[in-house]
Amino acid sequence: MDAVERLNRRLLLVALALGVLAALIAHAYLQGVARRVLVPHTVPVVVAAESIPPHTLVTSAMVAVREFEPADRPPDAVTAVGGAVGAITTAEVYQGQPLVASDLSTTQTPLNLAYAVPAGMRAFTMAVSDTSGVADMIHPGDHVDVLAIFTQGGTAPTTTVDTLEESLTVLAVGQRLVGETTPVPPSYSTVTLAVTPAQAAVLAYASTRGGLTLDLRNVTDQATIQLAPETGVGIPGAG
């Protein structure tokens, strides 16, 4: 009989221990559920701290970060301040309104050519042929040099080749802009470059006095050489 009582006591202790363990597990589970209910999951969204007019360069003072329910966040909402600062608005963004990618344009992903032109620069378009346009193999974002070929004189004309500008950024080839994912057209008749106002004047003048041609650079080469004009002196057969 003593052995039976001892077994019953052991079973009772085991049952009590299992009961306490089950109660602890249930308590921890209910606490986790309560936390999820009391603290809902939210996501950060960049909003306008003030109304921002269209065609405005966004600064850090113009934006703030707010927490949104996932269901309330616009699909293309900007989620980090760095994704908005430095971009240009393409439409008015009202105070408190989330900033979305479709309302912003950058020089890397421009809405159109005007948004691709860096501040203080100009877009200069020049006509090219198969030879002056590097056999239709220039891409937006490439860097090129611009050479001018001048012929002067009457009965004994002389030809001079001058490197007018070096390491200019290509903004567009034909109508394909930098940042676009569509293929470059198999052939094109124009190339648009990013230039300073002074460079634009030089290129426009040179285009009326002679032919312009492009040299394509290596993607990592943006150094300037400042070559002297080539007149053919010293080149066998040039004179």
C-alpha atoms as a PDB file:
ATOM      1  CA  MET A   1       0.000   0.000   0.000  1.00  0.00           C
ATOM      2  CA  ASP A   2       2.884   2.376   0.759  1.00  0.00           C
ATOM      3  CA  ALA A   3       4.296   1.752  -2.694  1.00  0.00           C
ATOM      4  CA  VAL A   4       0.958   2.635  -4.303  1.00  0.00           C
ATOM      5  CA  GLU A   5       0.706   5.848  -2.283  1.00  0.00           C
ATOM      6  CA  ARG A   6       4.229   6.835  -3.264  1.00  0.00           C
ATOM      7  CA  LEU A   7       3.405   6.241  -6.950  1.00  0.00           C
ATOM      8  CA  ASN A   8       0.229   8.282  -6.655  1.00  0.00           C
ATOM      9  CA  ARG A   9       2.157  11.142  -5.068  1.00  0.00           C
ATOM     10  CA  ARG A  10       4.704  11.074  -7.836  1.00  0.00           C
ATOM     11  CA  LEU A  11       2.008  11.124 -10.480  1.00  0.00           C
ATOM     12  CA  LEU A  12       0.319  14.023  -8.698  1.00  0.00           C
ATOM     13  CA  LEU A  13       3.578  15.999  -8.612  1.00  0.00           C
ATOM     14  CA  VAL A  14       4.172  15.328 -12.304  1.00  0.00           C
ATOM     15  CA  ALA A  15       0.632  16.449 -13.106  1.00  0.00           C
ATOM     16  CA  LEU A  16       1.072  19.610 -11.052  1.00  0.00           C
ATOM     17  CA  ALA A  17       4.388  20.383 -12.796  1.00  0.00           C
ATOM     18  CA  LEU A  18       2.840  19.875 -16.214  1.00  0.00           C
ATOM     19  CA  GLY A  19      -0.065  22.086 -15.229  1.00  0.00           C
ATOM     20  CA  VAL A  20       2.268  24.882 -14.129  1.00  0.00           C
ATOM     21  CA  LEU A  21       4.282  24.555 -17.341  1.00  0.00           C
ATOM     22  CA  ALA A  22       1.123  24.716 -19.454  1.00  0.00           C
ATOM     23  CA  ALA A  23      -0.016  27.806 -17.564  1.00  0.00           C
ATOM     24  CA  LEU A  24       3.337  29.523 -18.174  1.00  0.00           C
ATOM     25  CA  ILE A  25       3.238  28.706 -21.871  1.00  0.00           C
ATOM     26  CA  ALA A  26      -0.326  29.974 -22.182  1.00  0.00           C
ATOM     27  CA  HIS A  27       0.584  33.170 -20.316  1.00  0.00           C
ATOM     28  CA  ALA A  28       3.564  33.867 -22.596  1.00  0.00           C
ATOM     29  CA  TYR A  29       1.443  33.231 -25.683  1.00  0.00           C
ATOM     30  CA  LEU A  30      -1.317  35.580 -24.531  1.00  0.00           C
ATOM     31  CA  GLN A  31       1.236  38.302 -23.740  1.00  0.00           C
ATOM     32  CA  GLY A  32       2.645  38.018 -27.279  1.00  0.00           C
ATOM     33  CA  VAL A  33      -0.833  38.290 -28.777  1.00  0.00           C
ATOM     34  CA  ALA A  34      -1.571  41.335 -26.619  1.00  0.00           C
ATOM     35  CA  ARG A  35       1.640  43.025 -27.718  1.00  0.00           C
ATOM     36  CA  ARG A  36       0.799  42.442 -31.373  1.00  0.00           C
ATOM     37  CA  VAL A  37      -2.668  43.881 -30.839  1.00  0.00           C
ATOM     38  CA  LEU A  38      -1.506  46.895 -28.825  1.00  0.00           C
ATOM     39  CA  VAL A  39       1.524  47.684 -31.042  1.00  0.00           C
ATOM     40  CA  PRO A  40       0.442  47.266 -34.704  1.00  0.00           C
ATOM     41  CA  HIS A  41       3.089  46.893 -37.414  1.00  0.00           C
ATOM     42  CA  THR A  42       3.823  50.162 -39.244  1.00  0.00           C
ATOM     43  CA  VAL A  43       6.137  51.245 -42.044  1.00  0.00           C
ATOM     44  CA  PRO A  44       8.004  54.548 -42.550  1.00  0.00           C
ATOM     45  CA  VAL A  45       6.837  56.876 -45.313  1.00  0.00           C
ATOM     46  CA  VAL A  46       8.355  60.217 -46.350  1.00  0.00           C
ATOM     47  CA  VAL A  47       5.746  63.012 -46.380  1.00  0.00           C
ATOM     48  CA  ALA A  48       5.844  66.695 -47.253  1.00  0.00           C
ATOM     49  CA  ALA A  49       6.507  68.794 -44.147  1.00  0.00           C
ATOM     50  CA  GLU A  50       5.174  71.738 -46.167  1.00  0.00           C
ATOM     51  CA  SER A  51       3.457  72.113 -49.510  1.00  0.00           C
ATOM     52  CA  ILE A  52       6.050  71.707 -52.277  1.00  0.00           C
ATOM     53  CA  PRO A  53       5.341  73.348 -55.664  1.00  0.00           C
ATOM     54  CA  PRO A  54       6.079  71.496 -58.914  1.00  0.00           C
ATOM     55  CA  HIS A  55       9.576  71.780 -60.426  1.00  0.00           C
ATOM     56  CA  THR A  56      11.093  72.304 -56.959  1.00  0.00           C
ATOM     57  CA  LEU A  57      14.363  70.811 -55.728  1.00  0.00           C
ATOM     58  CA  VAL A  58      13.498  68.844 -52.575  1.00  0.00           C
ATOM     59  CA  THR A  59      15.583  69.612 -49.458  1.00  0.00           C
ATOM     60  CA  SER A  60      15.653  67.833 -46.100  1.00  0.00           C
ATOM     61  CA  ALA A  61      13.725  70.722 -44.503  1.00  0.00           C
ATOM     62  CA  MET A  62      10.770  70.073 -46.826  1.00  0.00           C
ATOM     63  CA  VAL A  63      10.153  66.471 -45.781  1.00  0.00           C
ATOM     64  CA  ALA A  64       9.523  64.360 -42.687  1.00  0.00           C
ATOM     65  CA  VAL A  65       9.039  60.670 -41.916  1.00  0.00           C
ATOM     66  CA  ARG A  66       5.698  59.345 -40.642  1.00  0.00           C
ATOM     67  CA  GLU A  67       4.607  55.851 -39.686  1.00  0.00           C
ATOM     68  CA  PHE A  68       1.831  54.378 -41.829  1.00  0.00           C
ATOM     69  CA  GLU A  69      -0.223  51.207 -41.642  1.00  0.00           C
ATOM     70  CA  PRO A  70       0.967  48.961 -44.488  1.00  0.00           C
ATOM     71  CA  ALA A  71      -2.495  49.072 -46.071  1.00  0.00           C
ATOM     72  CA  ASP A  72      -2.406  52.899 -46.123  1.00  0.00           C
ATOM     73  CA  ARG A  73       1.017  53.259 -47.744  1.00  0.00           C
ATOM     74  CA  PRO A  74       0.964  54.142 -51.465  1.00  0.00           C
ATOM     75  CA  PRO A  75       2.592  51.393 -53.567  1.00  0.00           C
ATOM     76  CA  ASP A  76       5.443  53.625 -54.816  1.00  0.00           C
ATOM     77  CA  ALA A  77       5.882  55.685 -51.649  1.00  0.00           C
ATOM     78  CA  VAL A  78       9.372  56.934 -50.795  1.00  0.00           C
ATOM     79  CA  THR A  79      10.430  55.264 -47.533  1.00  0.00           C
ATOM     80  CA  ALA A  80      13.725  57.056 -46.804  1.00  0.00           C
ATOM     81  CA  VAL A  81      14.569  60.760 -46.765  1.00  0.00           C
ATOM     82  CA  GLY A  82      17.553  60.117 -49.035  1.00  0.00           C
ATOM     83  CA  GLY A  83      15.173  58.916 -51.726  1.00  0.00           C
ATOM     84  CA  ALA A  84      13.512  62.344 -51.890  1.00  0.00           C
ATOM     85  CA  VAL A  85      16.227  64.886 -51.095  1.00  0.00           C
ATOM     86  CA  GLY A  86      17.882  66.130 -54.278  1.00  0.00           C
ATOM     87  CA  ALA A  87      14.991  65.070 -56.510  1.00  0.00           C
ATOM     88  CA  ILE A  88      12.734  67.529 -58.345  1.00  0.00           C
ATOM     89  CA  THR A  89       8.966  67.458 -57.971  1.00  0.00           C
ATOM     90  CA  THR A  90       6.986  66.927 -61.169  1.00  0.00           C
ATOM     91  CA  ALA A  91       3.669  67.898 -59.528  1.00  0.00           C
ATOM     92  CA  GLU A  92       2.583  69.791 -56.419  1.00  0.00           C
ATOM     93  CA  VAL A  93       2.875  67.803 -53.186  1.00  0.00           C
ATOM     94  CA  TYR A  94       0.656  69.086 -50.383  1.00  0.00           C
ATOM     95  CA  GLN A  95       1.647  69.258 -46.714  1.00  0.00           C
ATOM     96  CA  GLY A  96       1.320  65.831 -45.089  1.00  0.00           C
ATOM     97  CA  GLN A  97       0.990  64.064 -48.433  1.00  0.00           C
ATOM     98  CA  PRO A  98       3.268  61.039 -48.986  1.00  0.00           C
ATOM     99  CA  LEU A  99       5.966  61.503 -51.609  1.00  0.00           C
ATOM    100  CA  VAL A 100       5.747  58.899 -54.351  1.00  0.00           C
ATOM    101  CA  ALA A 101       8.277  58.011 -57.026  1.00  0.00           C
ATOM    102  CA  SER A 102       5.980  59.123 -59.829  1.00  0.00           C
ATOM    103  CA  ASP A 103       5.987  62.695 -58.439  1.00  0.00           C
ATOM    104  CA  LEU A 104       9.797  62.929 -58.384  1.00  0.00           C
ATOM    105  CA  SER A 105      12.474  63.105 -61.052  1.00  0.00           C
ATOM    106  CA  THR A 106      16.264  62.853 -60.810  1.00  0.00           C
ATOM    107  CA  THR A 107      19.084  63.227 -63.308  1.00  0.00           C
ATOM    108  CA  GLN A 108      19.534  59.428 -63.049  1.00  0.00           C
ATOM    109  CA  THR A 109      15.880  58.676 -63.865  1.00  0.00           C
ATOM    110  CA  PRO A 110      14.596  61.849 -65.548  1.00  0.00           C
ATOM    111  CA  LEU A 111      10.977  62.416 -66.514  1.00  0.00           C
ATOM    112  CA  ASN A 112      12.138  64.231 -69.652  1.00  0.00           C
ATOM    113  CA  LEU A 113      15.240  65.981 -70.975  1.00  0.00           C
ATOM    114  CA  ALA A 114      14.774  69.134 -68.877  1.00  0.00           C
ATOM    115  CA  TYR A 115      15.027  67.037 -65.696  1.00  0.00           C
ATOM    116  CA  ALA A 116      18.168  65.315 -66.976  1.00  0.00           C
ATOM    117  CA  VAL A 117      20.129  68.561 -67.371  1.00  0.00           C
ATOM    118  CA  PRO A 118      22.304  69.199 -64.281  1.00  0.00           C
ATOM    119  CA  ALA A 119      21.780  72.519 -62.509  1.00  0.00           C
ATOM    120  CA  GLY A 120      23.758  75.320 -64.155  1.00  0.00           C
ATOM    121  CA  MET A 121      24.246  73.329 -67.360  1.00  0.00           C
ATOM    122  CA  ARG A 122      22.558  73.315 -70.762  1.00  0.00           C
ATOM    123  CA  ALA A 123      21.491  70.620 -73.202  1.00  0.00           C
ATOM    124  CA  PHE A 124      23.231  71.039 -76.577  1.00  0.00           C
ATOM    125  CA  THR A 125      22.130  68.875 -79.503  1.00  0.00           C
ATOM    126  CA  MET A 126      24.403  68.327 -82.479  1.00  0.00           C
ATOM    127  CA  ALA A 127      23.811  66.482 -85.719  1.00  0.00           C
ATOM    128  CA  VAL A 128      25.935  63.384 -86.317  1.00  0.00           C
ATOM    129  CA  SER A 129      26.535  60.883 -89.085  1.00  0.00           C
ATOM    130  CA  ASP A 130      27.804  57.317 -88.978  1.00  0.00           C
ATOM    131  CA  THR A 131      31.390  58.592 -88.775  1.00  0.00           C
ATOM    132  CA  SER A 132      30.993  61.710 -86.643  1.00  0.00           C
ATOM    133  CA  GLY A 133      28.681  59.783 -84.289  1.00  0.00           C
ATOM    134  CA  VAL A 134      31.105  56.868 -83.695  1.00  0.00           C
ATOM    135  CA  ALA A 135      29.231  54.394 -85.908  1.00  0.00           C
ATOM    136  CA  ASP A 136      25.974  54.667 -83.909  1.00  0.00           C
ATOM    137  CA  MET A 137      27.605  53.161 -80.807  1.00  0.00           C
ATOM    138  CA  ILE A 138      27.289  56.065 -78.341  1.00  0.00           C
ATOM    139  CA  HIS A 139      25.008  55.520 -75.348  1.00  0.00           C
ATOM    140  CA  PRO A 140      23.390  58.006 -72.939  1.00  0.00           C
ATOM    141  CA  GLY A 141      25.736  58.498 -69.982  1.00  0.00           C
ATOM    142  CA  ASP A 142      28.894  58.064 -72.083  1.00  0.00           C
ATOM    143  CA  HIS A 143      31.573  60.773 -72.177  1.00  0.00           C
ATOM    144  CA  VAL A 144      32.829  62.246 -75.427  1.00  0.00           C
ATOM    145  CA  ASP A 145      35.198  64.871 -76.806  1.00  0.00           C
ATOM    146  CA  VAL A 146      34.031  67.290 -79.508  1.00  0.00           C
ATOM    147  CA  LEU A 147      36.379  68.027 -82.399  1.00  0.00           C
ATOM    148  CA  ALA A 148      35.886  70.785 -84.979  1.00  0.00           C
ATOM    149  CA  ILE A 149      37.263  70.630 -88.523  1.00  0.00           C
ATOM    150  CA  PHE A 150      37.852  74.050 -90.077  1.00  0.00           C
ATOM    151  CA  THR A 151      38.965  74.707 -93.659  1.00  0.00           C
ATOM    152  CA  GLN A 152      40.203  78.199 -94.493  1.00  0.00           C
ATOM    153  CA  GLY A 153      41.739  79.921 -97.493  1.00  0.00           C
ATOM    154  CA  GLY A 154      40.910  80.203-101.145  1.00  0.00           C
ATOM    155  CA  THR A 155      43.281  78.778-103.755  1.00  0.00           C
ATOM    156  CA  ALA A 156      45.442  77.086-101.120  1.00  0.00           C
ATOM    157  CA  PRO A 157      43.053  76.128 -98.311  1.00  0.00           C
ATOM    158  CA  THR A 158      44.337  74.888 -94.971  1.00  0.00           C
ATOM    159  CA  THR A 159      42.535  72.517 -92.633  1.00  0.00           C
ATOM    160  CA  THR A 160      42.702  72.691 -88.853  1.00  0.00           C
ATOM    161  CA  VAL A 161      41.297  70.135 -86.415  1.00  0.00           C
ATOM    162  CA  ASP A 162      40.685  71.506 -82.931  1.00  0.00           C
ATOM    163  CA  THR A 163      39.534  69.642 -79.839  1.00  0.00           C
ATOM    164  CA  LEU A 164      36.962  72.124 -78.601  1.00  0.00           C
ATOM    165  CA  GLU A 165      35.587  70.327 -75.538  1.00  0.00           C
ATOM    166  CA  GLU A 166      36.594  67.263 -73.560  1.00  0.00           C
ATOM    167  CA  SER A 167      34.725  64.715 -71.455  1.00  0.00           C
ATOM    168  CA  LEU A 168      31.203  65.963 -72.060  1.00  0.00           C
ATOM    169  CA  THR A 169      28.353  63.811 -70.712  1.00  0.00           C
ATOM    170  CA  VAL A 170      25.886  62.415 -73.237  1.00  0.00           C
ATOM    171  CA  LEU A 171      22.344  63.176 -72.059  1.00  0.00           C
ATOM    172  CA  ALA A 172      20.522  61.595 -74.972  1.00  0.00           C
ATOM    173  CA  VAL A 173      21.066  59.685 -78.181  1.00  0.00           C
ATOM    174  CA  GLY A 174      18.298  60.480 -80.595  1.00  0.00           C
ATOM    175  CA  GLN A 175      15.347  60.716 -78.208  1.00  0.00           C
ATOM    176  CA  ARG A 176      16.579  58.091 -75.758  1.00  0.00           C
ATOM    177  CA  LEU A 177      17.465  59.760 -72.445  1.00  0.00           C
ATOM    178  CA  VAL A 178      20.022  58.822 -69.846  1.00  0.00           C
ATOM    179  CA  GLY A 179      18.406  56.565 -67.238  1.00  0.00           C
ATOM    180  CA  GLU A 180      15.939  54.975 -69.647  1.00  0.00           C
ATOM    181  CA  THR A 181      15.968  51.198 -70.020  1.00  0.00           C
ATOM    182  CA  THR A 182      14.727  51.078 -73.602  1.00  0.00           C
ATOM    183  CA  PRO A 183      17.358  50.004 -76.147  1.00  0.00           C
ATOM    184  CA  VAL A 184      19.407  52.611 -77.973  1.00  0.00           C
ATOM    185  CA  PRO A 185      18.029  53.010 -81.514  1.00  0.00           C
ATOM    186  CA  PRO A 186      20.098  51.125 -84.112  1.00  0.00           C
ATOM    187  CA  SER A 187      20.835  54.440 -85.809  1.00  0.00           C
ATOM    188  CA  TYR A 188      20.470  58.058 -84.778  1.00  0.00           C
ATOM    189  CA  SER A 189      21.127  61.465 -86.289  1.00  0.00           C
ATOM    190  CA  THR A 190      21.558  63.580 -83.130  1.00  0.00           C
ATOM    191  CA  VAL A 191      23.443  63.441 -79.847  1.00  0.00           C
ATOM    192  CA  THR A 192      22.595  65.730 -76.917  1.00  0.00           C
ATOM    193  CA  LEU A 193      25.371  66.787 -74.539  1.00  0.00           C
ATOM    194  CA  ALA A 194      25.481  68.450 -71.118  1.00  0.00           C
ATOM    195  CA  VAL A 195      27.475  71.673 -71.490  1.00  0.00           C
ATOM    196  CA  THR A 196      28.022  74.981 -69.739  1.00  0.00           C
ATOM    197  CA  PRO A 197      26.483  78.103 -71.318  1.00  0.00           C
ATOM    198  CA  ALA A 198      29.956  79.113 -72.533  1.00  0.00           C
ATOM    199  CA  GLN A 199      30.569  75.689 -74.076  1.00  0.00           C
ATOM    200  CA  ALA A 200      27.190  75.871 -75.801  1.00  0.00           C
ATOM    201  CA  ALA A 201      28.182  79.169 -77.452  1.00  0.00           C
ATOM    202  CA  VAL A 202      31.515  77.749 -78.622  1.00  0.00           C
ATOM    203  CA  LEU A 203      29.912  74.640 -80.112  1.00  0.00           C
ATOM    204  CA  ALA A 204      27.118  76.599 -81.785  1.00  0.00           C
ATOM    205  CA  TYR A 205      29.614  78.973 -83.397  1.00  0.00           C
ATOM    206  CA  ALA A 206      31.930  76.155 -84.463  1.00  0.00           C
ATOM    207  CA  SER A 207      29.049  74.270 -86.081  1.00  0.00           C
ATOM    208  CA  THR A 208      28.514  77.216 -88.456  1.00  0.00           C
ATOM    209  CA  ARG A 209      32.198  77.396 -89.429  1.00  0.00           C
ATOM    210  CA  GLY A 210      33.019  73.742 -89.967  1.00  0.00           C
ATOM    211  CA  GLY A 211      32.128  70.157 -89.179  1.00  0.00           C
ATOM    212  CA  LEU A 212      31.838  68.728 -85.662  1.00  0.00           C
ATOM    213  CA  THR A 213      32.740  65.158 -84.809  1.00  0.00           C
ATOM    214  CA  LEU A 214      32.731  63.113 -81.586  1.00  0.00           C
ATOM    215  CA  ASP A 215      35.394  60.951 -79.976  1.00  0.00           C
ATOM    216  CA  LEU A 216      34.100  58.310 -77.547  1.00  0.00           C
ATOM    217  CA  ARG A 217      35.970  57.879 -74.249  1.00  0.00           C
ATOM    218  CA  ASN A 218      36.566  54.846 -72.076  1.00  0.00           C
ATOM    219  CA  VAL A 219      33.870  54.665 -69.389  1.00  0.00           C
ATOM    220  CA  THR A 220      36.430  55.361 -66.643  1.00  0.00           C
ATOM    221  CA  ASP A 221      38.375  58.087 -68.469  1.00  0.00           C
ATOM    222  CA  GLN A 222      37.284  61.657 -67.768  1.00  0.00           C
ATOM    223  CA  ALA A 223      40.701  63.322 -67.731  1.00  0.00           C
ATOM    224  CA  THR A 224      41.331  66.374 -69.901  1.00  0.00           C
ATOM    225  CA  ILE A 225      44.416  66.711 -72.117  1.00  0.00           C
ATOM    226  CA  GLN A 226      43.994  70.167 -73.729  1.00  0.00           C
ATOM    227  CA  LEU A 227      45.534  69.337 -77.074  1.00  0.00           C
ATOM    228  CA  ALA A 228      46.801  72.056 -79.393  1.00  0.00           C
ATOM    229  CA  PRO A 229      44.981  72.448 -82.737  1.00  0.00           C
ATOM    230  CA  GLU A 230      46.217  70.060 -85.418  1.00  0.00           C
ATOM    231  CA  THR A 231      47.198  71.724 -88.707  1.00  0.00           C
ATOM    232  CA  GLY A 232      48.780  68.731 -90.407  1.00  0.00           C
ATOM    233  CA  VAL A 233      52.342  70.030 -90.018  1.00  0.00           C
ATOM    234  CA  GLY A 234      54.576  67.035 -89.461  1.00  0.00           C
ATOM    235  CA  ILE A 235      52.052  64.537 -90.784  1.00  0.00           C
ATOM    236  CA  PRO A 236      53.494  62.847 -93.906  1.00  0.00           C
ATOM    237  CA  GLY A 237      51.442  63.755 -96.974  1.00  0.00           C
ATOM    238  CA  ALA A 238      49.342  66.341 -95.147  1.00  0.00           C
ATOM    239  CA  GLY A 239      50.969  69.295 -96.820  1.00  0.00           C
END
